[in-house]
């Protein structure tokens, strides 16, 4: 049986995501959910960075990624407005985790009547 990584922090983040979803419901664009999550993170007094720039390739300047949120320097939070997660969504979070040196990511979508989320560990293989 595996040990749950960062349970207290994860539960606090999930509470924020559920609060935002309960307040707004589905139907908005991604940036509106990001703003609402940001406000909830502030209200909870959590330490976070948003739109964290991560280089695409360390050797050559191919471009960069922007992580929606890095919370307490321990969890990557990626917000979507898609009905279901694709393999590309999961791989995106895995890349963020690798580049940021963080073990746990949460992928959440607000596109449905219920909040859909997935915890993703850096070593995850799909």
N, C-alpha and C. Protein backbone atom coordinates (compact mmCIF):
# COMPACT_ATOMS: atom_id res chain seq x y z
N UNK A 1 0.84 -1.17 0.00
CA UNK A 1 0.00 0.00 0.00
C UNK A 1 0.89 1.24 0.00
N UNK A 2 0.60 2.20 -0.87
CA UNK A 2 1.44 3.39 -0.96
C UNK A 2 0.93 4.49 -0.03
N UNK A 3 1.86 5.32 0.38
CA UNK A 3 1.55 6.42 1.28
C UNK A 3 1.06 7.62 0.46
N UNK A 4 0.01 8.28 0.92
CA UNK A 4 -0.52 9.46 0.25
C UNK A 4 0.45 10.62 0.45
N UNK A 5 0.83 11.27 -0.64
CA UNK A 5 1.78 12.38 -0.58
C UNK A 5 1.04 13.68 -0.27
N UNK A 6 1.55 14.41 0.71
CA UNK A 6 1.04 15.73 1.10
C UNK A 6 -0.47 15.76 1.31
N UNK A 7 -1.00 14.89 2.16
CA UNK A 7 -2.46 14.81 2.30
C UNK A 7 -3.12 16.10 2.80
N UNK A 8 -2.56 16.74 3.83
CA UNK A 8 -3.22 17.94 4.37
C UNK A 8 -3.26 19.06 3.34
N UNK A 9 -2.14 19.32 2.68
CA UNK A 9 -2.09 20.37 1.67
C UNK A 9 -2.99 20.04 0.49
N UNK A 10 -2.99 18.78 0.07
CA UNK A 10 -3.85 18.34 -1.03
C UNK A 10 -5.32 18.56 -0.70
N UNK A 11 -5.72 18.19 0.52
CA UNK A 11 -7.12 18.34 0.92
C UNK A 11 -7.53 19.81 0.97
N UNK A 12 -6.61 20.65 1.42
CA UNK A 12 -6.89 22.09 1.48
C UNK A 12 -7.10 22.64 0.06
N UNK A 13 -6.25 22.23 -0.85
CA UNK A 13 -6.38 22.66 -2.25
C UNK A 13 -7.68 22.14 -2.84
N UNK A 14 -8.00 20.88 -2.56
CA UNK A 14 -9.25 20.31 -3.09
C UNK A 14 -10.46 21.07 -2.54
N UNK A 15 -10.40 21.47 -1.28
CA UNK A 15 -11.48 22.27 -0.71
C UNK A 15 -11.67 23.57 -1.46
N UNK A 16 -10.57 24.20 -1.83
CA UNK A 16 -10.62 25.43 -2.61
C UNK A 16 -11.24 25.17 -3.98
N UNK A 17 -10.81 24.10 -4.63
CA UNK A 17 -11.35 23.78 -5.96
C UNK A 17 -12.85 23.50 -5.90
N UNK A 18 -13.28 22.75 -4.90
CA UNK A 18 -14.71 22.47 -4.74
C UNK A 18 -15.49 23.74 -4.44
N UNK A 19 -14.93 24.63 -3.63
CA UNK A 19 -15.60 25.90 -3.32
C UNK A 19 -15.79 26.73 -4.58
N UNK A 20 -14.76 26.80 -5.40
CA UNK A 20 -14.85 27.56 -6.66
C UNK A 20 -15.88 26.92 -7.58
N UNK A 21 -15.84 25.60 -7.69
CA UNK A 21 -16.79 24.92 -8.57
C UNK A 21 -18.23 25.10 -8.07
N UNK A 22 -18.42 24.99 -6.76
CA UNK A 22 -19.77 25.17 -6.20
C UNK A 22 -20.29 26.59 -6.45
N UNK A 23 -19.40 27.56 -6.39
CA UNK A 23 -19.80 28.95 -6.60
C UNK A 23 -20.08 29.26 -8.07
N UNK A 24 -19.20 28.82 -8.96
CA UNK A 24 -19.31 29.18 -10.38
C UNK A 24 -20.03 28.14 -11.23
N UNK A 25 -19.81 26.87 -10.92
CA UNK A 25 -20.35 25.82 -11.79
C UNK A 25 -19.61 25.77 -13.11
N UNK A 26 -20.08 24.98 -14.06
CA UNK A 26 -19.41 24.88 -15.36
C UNK A 26 -19.79 26.05 -16.27
N UNK A 27 -19.06 26.20 -17.37
CA UNK A 27 -19.46 27.14 -18.42
C UNK A 27 -18.60 28.37 -18.61
N UNK A 28 -17.62 28.58 -17.74
CA UNK A 28 -16.75 29.74 -17.88
C UNK A 28 -15.45 29.35 -18.58
N UNK A 29 -14.69 30.35 -18.99
CA UNK A 29 -13.40 30.05 -19.61
C UNK A 29 -12.36 29.86 -18.50
N UNK A 30 -11.25 29.24 -18.88
CA UNK A 30 -10.22 28.84 -17.93
C UNK A 30 -9.73 29.99 -17.06
N UNK A 31 -9.50 31.15 -17.66
CA UNK A 31 -8.93 32.26 -16.87
C UNK A 31 -9.87 32.72 -15.76
N UNK A 32 -11.18 32.55 -15.93
CA UNK A 32 -12.11 32.93 -14.87
C UNK A 32 -11.98 31.99 -13.67
N UNK A 33 -11.81 30.71 -13.93
CA UNK A 33 -11.59 29.76 -12.84
C UNK A 33 -10.24 30.03 -12.17
N UNK A 34 -9.23 30.35 -12.97
CA UNK A 34 -7.91 30.65 -12.40
C UNK A 34 -7.99 31.85 -11.46
N UNK A 35 -8.71 32.88 -11.87
CA UNK A 35 -8.87 34.06 -11.01
C UNK A 35 -9.59 33.71 -9.71
N UNK A 36 -10.63 32.90 -9.82
CA UNK A 36 -11.39 32.51 -8.63
C UNK A 36 -10.54 31.67 -7.69
N UNK A 37 -9.75 30.74 -8.24
CA UNK A 37 -8.86 29.92 -7.42
C UNK A 37 -7.82 30.81 -6.76
N UNK A 38 -7.27 31.74 -7.50
CA UNK A 38 -6.28 32.68 -6.95
C UNK A 38 -6.86 33.42 -5.74
N UNK A 39 -8.07 33.91 -5.86
CA UNK A 39 -8.69 34.64 -4.76
C UNK A 39 -8.91 33.74 -3.55
N UNK A 40 -9.31 32.50 -3.78
CA UNK A 40 -9.50 31.56 -2.67
C UNK A 40 -8.17 31.21 -2.00
N UNK A 41 -7.11 31.05 -2.80
CA UNK A 41 -5.79 30.78 -2.23
C UNK A 41 -5.35 31.94 -1.34
N UNK A 42 -5.60 33.15 -1.79
CA UNK A 42 -5.26 34.34 -0.99
C UNK A 42 -6.06 34.35 0.31
N UNK A 43 -7.37 34.08 0.21
CA UNK A 43 -8.23 34.09 1.40
C UNK A 43 -7.77 33.06 2.43
N UNK A 44 -7.25 31.94 1.94
CA UNK A 44 -6.77 30.88 2.85
C UNK A 44 -5.36 31.16 3.37
N UNK A 45 -4.74 32.23 2.88
CA UNK A 45 -3.39 32.60 3.32
C UNK A 45 -2.31 31.65 2.83
N UNK A 46 -2.57 31.02 1.70
CA UNK A 46 -1.61 30.06 1.17
C UNK A 46 -0.54 30.75 0.33
N UNK A 47 0.66 30.23 0.40
CA UNK A 47 1.77 30.73 -0.39
C UNK A 47 1.70 30.08 -1.77
N UNK A 48 1.67 30.88 -2.82
CA UNK A 48 1.59 30.33 -4.17
C UNK A 48 2.19 31.30 -5.18
N UNK A 49 2.55 30.74 -6.31
CA UNK A 49 2.96 31.51 -7.48
C UNK A 49 2.07 31.08 -8.61
N UNK A 50 1.74 32.02 -9.48
CA UNK A 50 0.90 31.68 -10.63
C UNK A 50 1.63 31.99 -11.93
N UNK A 51 1.22 31.30 -12.98
CA UNK A 51 1.83 31.44 -14.29
C UNK A 51 3.36 31.37 -14.19
N UNK A 52 3.82 30.29 -13.56
CA UNK A 52 5.24 30.08 -13.33
C UNK A 52 5.89 29.64 -14.64
N UNK A 53 6.85 30.43 -15.08
CA UNK A 53 7.52 30.18 -16.35
C UNK A 53 8.57 29.08 -16.19
N UNK A 54 8.47 28.07 -17.04
CA UNK A 54 9.41 26.95 -17.03
C UNK A 54 9.93 26.78 -18.46
N UNK A 55 11.26 26.79 -18.64
CA UNK A 55 11.78 26.64 -20.01
C UNK A 55 11.42 25.29 -20.61
N UNK A 56 11.13 25.29 -21.90
CA UNK A 56 10.78 24.07 -22.62
C UNK A 56 11.98 23.15 -22.76
N UNK A 57 13.12 23.72 -23.00
CA UNK A 57 14.34 22.94 -23.17
C UNK A 57 15.47 23.74 -22.55
N UNK A 58 16.27 23.10 -21.73
CA UNK A 58 17.32 23.82 -21.03
C UNK A 58 18.48 24.21 -21.94
N UNK A 59 18.77 23.41 -22.98
CA UNK A 59 19.90 23.69 -23.86
C UNK A 59 19.57 24.79 -24.87
N UNK A 60 18.49 24.63 -25.57
CA UNK A 60 18.10 25.59 -26.59
C UNK A 60 16.84 26.30 -26.15
N UNK A 61 16.71 27.52 -26.59
CA UNK A 61 15.52 28.29 -26.22
C UNK A 61 14.39 27.97 -27.20
N UNK A 62 13.68 26.87 -26.95
CA UNK A 62 12.56 26.46 -27.80
C UNK A 62 11.27 27.15 -27.40
N UNK A 63 11.25 27.69 -26.22
CA UNK A 63 10.04 28.30 -25.70
C UNK A 63 9.93 27.98 -24.22
N UNK A 64 8.73 28.11 -23.68
CA UNK A 64 8.54 27.82 -22.27
C UNK A 64 7.10 27.41 -22.00
N UNK A 65 6.93 26.79 -20.84
CA UNK A 65 5.62 26.44 -20.32
C UNK A 65 5.24 27.48 -19.28
N UNK A 66 3.96 27.55 -18.98
CA UNK A 66 3.50 28.37 -17.87
C UNK A 66 2.60 27.51 -16.99
N UNK A 67 3.09 27.21 -15.81
CA UNK A 67 2.33 26.41 -14.85
C UNK A 67 1.28 27.32 -14.23
N UNK A 68 0.02 26.87 -14.18
CA UNK A 68 -1.04 27.70 -13.63
C UNK A 68 -0.70 28.15 -12.21
N UNK A 69 -0.44 27.19 -11.32
CA UNK A 69 -0.10 27.51 -9.94
C UNK A 69 0.92 26.53 -9.40
N UNK A 70 1.86 27.04 -8.62
CA UNK A 70 2.72 26.22 -7.77
C UNK A 70 2.39 26.66 -6.35
N UNK A 71 1.85 25.73 -5.57
CA UNK A 71 1.33 26.04 -4.24
C UNK A 71 2.28 25.53 -3.17
N UNK A 72 2.67 26.46 -2.29
CA UNK A 72 3.58 26.15 -1.17
C UNK A 72 4.88 25.52 -1.67
N UNK A 73 5.24 25.76 -2.91
CA UNK A 73 6.43 25.19 -3.55
C UNK A 73 6.43 23.66 -3.50
N UNK A 74 5.23 23.06 -3.39
CA UNK A 74 5.15 21.61 -3.21
C UNK A 74 4.16 20.92 -4.14
N UNK A 75 3.19 21.67 -4.67
CA UNK A 75 2.17 21.05 -5.53
C UNK A 75 1.94 21.94 -6.75
N UNK A 76 1.94 21.30 -7.91
CA UNK A 76 1.57 21.96 -9.16
C UNK A 76 0.06 21.81 -9.32
N UNK A 77 -0.63 22.91 -9.63
CA UNK A 77 -2.06 22.86 -9.90
C UNK A 77 -2.31 23.35 -11.31
N UNK A 78 -2.89 22.51 -12.13
CA UNK A 78 -3.21 22.85 -13.51
C UNK A 78 -4.72 22.81 -13.68
N UNK A 79 -5.27 23.91 -14.19
CA UNK A 79 -6.72 24.04 -14.34
C UNK A 79 -7.09 23.94 -15.81
N UNK A 80 -8.16 23.19 -16.07
CA UNK A 80 -8.66 23.00 -17.43
C UNK A 80 -10.17 23.25 -17.47
N UNK A 81 -10.66 23.41 -18.69
CA UNK A 81 -12.11 23.49 -18.92
C UNK A 81 -12.47 22.55 -20.06
N UNK A 82 -12.00 21.32 -19.93
CA UNK A 82 -12.30 20.27 -20.91
C UNK A 82 -13.20 19.24 -20.25
N UNK A 83 -14.07 18.57 -21.02
CA UNK A 83 -15.00 17.60 -20.41
C UNK A 83 -14.30 16.40 -19.78
N UNK A 84 -13.16 16.00 -20.33
CA UNK A 84 -12.39 14.89 -19.75
C UNK A 84 -10.92 15.10 -20.07
N UNK A 85 -10.08 14.52 -19.24
CA UNK A 85 -8.64 14.68 -19.42
C UNK A 85 -8.15 13.80 -20.55
N UNK A 86 -7.25 14.33 -21.32
CA UNK A 86 -6.60 13.57 -22.38
C UNK A 86 -5.22 13.14 -21.88
N UNK A 87 -4.63 12.25 -22.62
CA UNK A 87 -3.25 11.84 -22.32
C UNK A 87 -2.33 13.05 -22.36
N UNK A 88 -2.58 13.97 -23.30
CA UNK A 88 -1.76 15.18 -23.42
C UNK A 88 -1.85 16.04 -22.16
N UNK A 89 -3.03 16.12 -21.54
CA UNK A 89 -3.19 16.89 -20.30
C UNK A 89 -2.32 16.30 -19.18
N UNK A 90 -2.34 14.98 -19.08
CA UNK A 90 -1.56 14.29 -18.04
C UNK A 90 -0.06 14.45 -18.31
N UNK A 91 0.34 14.29 -19.57
CA UNK A 91 1.75 14.47 -19.91
C UNK A 91 2.22 15.89 -19.65
N UNK A 92 1.35 16.86 -19.88
CA UNK A 92 1.68 18.25 -19.60
C UNK A 92 2.03 18.43 -18.12
N UNK A 93 1.20 17.89 -17.24
CA UNK A 93 1.46 18.01 -15.81
C UNK A 93 2.74 17.26 -15.43
N UNK A 94 2.95 16.10 -16.01
CA UNK A 94 4.19 15.35 -15.74
C UNK A 94 5.42 16.15 -16.15
N UNK A 95 5.35 16.84 -17.29
CA UNK A 95 6.48 17.69 -17.71
C UNK A 95 6.69 18.81 -16.70
N UNK A 96 5.61 19.43 -16.25
CA UNK A 96 5.72 20.50 -15.25
C UNK A 96 6.38 19.99 -13.98
N UNK A 97 5.95 18.82 -13.52
CA UNK A 97 6.52 18.25 -12.30
C UNK A 97 8.01 18.00 -12.46
N UNK A 98 8.38 17.43 -13.58
CA UNK A 98 9.80 17.13 -13.84
C UNK A 98 10.62 18.41 -13.86
N UNK A 99 10.18 19.39 -14.63
CA UNK A 99 10.94 20.62 -14.78
C UNK A 99 10.99 21.44 -13.49
N UNK A 100 9.92 21.41 -12.71
CA UNK A 100 9.87 22.18 -11.47
C UNK A 100 10.47 21.42 -10.28
N UNK A 101 10.75 20.12 -10.45
CA UNK A 101 11.30 19.33 -9.37
C UNK A 101 10.31 19.11 -8.24
N UNK A 102 9.03 18.98 -8.61
CA UNK A 102 7.96 18.81 -7.63
C UNK A 102 7.37 17.40 -7.80
N UNK A 103 6.99 16.78 -6.71
CA UNK A 103 6.51 15.40 -6.73
C UNK A 103 5.03 15.24 -7.10
N UNK A 104 4.19 16.21 -6.73
CA UNK A 104 2.75 16.03 -6.86
C UNK A 104 2.10 17.15 -7.67
N UNK A 105 1.22 16.75 -8.58
CA UNK A 105 0.42 17.70 -9.33
C UNK A 105 -1.05 17.36 -9.20
N UNK A 106 -1.88 18.38 -9.28
CA UNK A 106 -3.33 18.18 -9.31
C UNK A 106 -3.83 18.80 -10.61
N UNK A 107 -4.53 18.00 -11.37
CA UNK A 107 -5.14 18.43 -12.62
C UNK A 107 -6.64 18.48 -12.36
N UNK A 108 -7.25 19.64 -12.62
CA UNK A 108 -8.68 19.81 -12.32
C UNK A 108 -9.38 20.43 -13.52
N UNK A 109 -10.61 19.95 -13.78
CA UNK A 109 -11.42 20.56 -14.83
C UNK A 109 -12.77 20.98 -14.26
N UNK A 110 -13.20 22.14 -14.70
CA UNK A 110 -14.45 22.73 -14.24
C UNK A 110 -15.54 22.64 -15.31
N UNK A 111 -15.35 21.84 -16.34
CA UNK A 111 -16.25 21.84 -17.49
C UNK A 111 -17.54 21.05 -17.28
N UNK A 112 -17.64 20.32 -16.20
CA UNK A 112 -18.83 19.48 -16.00
C UNK A 112 -19.59 19.91 -14.76
N UNK A 113 -20.75 19.31 -14.56
CA UNK A 113 -21.55 19.64 -13.38
C UNK A 113 -20.84 19.28 -12.09
N UNK A 114 -19.94 18.30 -12.15
CA UNK A 114 -19.15 17.95 -10.99
C UNK A 114 -17.68 18.27 -11.29
N UNK A 115 -16.94 18.63 -10.25
CA UNK A 115 -15.52 18.88 -10.40
C UNK A 115 -14.83 17.55 -10.68
N UNK A 116 -14.01 17.51 -11.71
CA UNK A 116 -13.22 16.32 -12.02
C UNK A 116 -11.76 16.67 -11.74
N UNK A 117 -11.07 15.80 -11.03
CA UNK A 117 -9.68 16.06 -10.71
C UNK A 117 -8.88 14.77 -10.73
N UNK A 118 -7.58 14.95 -10.82
CA UNK A 118 -6.68 13.80 -10.81
C UNK A 118 -5.38 14.21 -10.13
N UNK A 119 -4.95 13.41 -9.19
CA UNK A 119 -3.64 13.59 -8.56
C UNK A 119 -2.62 12.88 -9.43
N UNK A 120 -1.52 13.54 -9.72
CA UNK A 120 -0.50 12.96 -10.60
C UNK A 120 0.84 13.04 -9.90
N UNK A 121 1.50 11.90 -9.79
CA UNK A 121 2.81 11.83 -9.18
C UNK A 121 3.88 11.89 -10.25
N UNK A 122 5.00 12.50 -9.93
CA UNK A 122 6.06 12.70 -10.92
C UNK A 122 6.50 11.41 -11.59
N UNK A 123 6.55 10.32 -10.88
CA UNK A 123 6.98 9.05 -11.46
C UNK A 123 5.91 8.27 -12.18
N UNK A 124 4.71 8.87 -12.32
CA UNK A 124 3.56 8.18 -12.92
C UNK A 124 3.83 7.78 -14.36
N UNK A 125 3.39 6.58 -14.73
CA UNK A 125 3.50 6.09 -16.12
C UNK A 125 2.10 5.77 -16.59
N UNK A 126 1.70 6.36 -17.71
CA UNK A 126 0.36 6.11 -18.26
C UNK A 126 0.46 5.20 -19.45
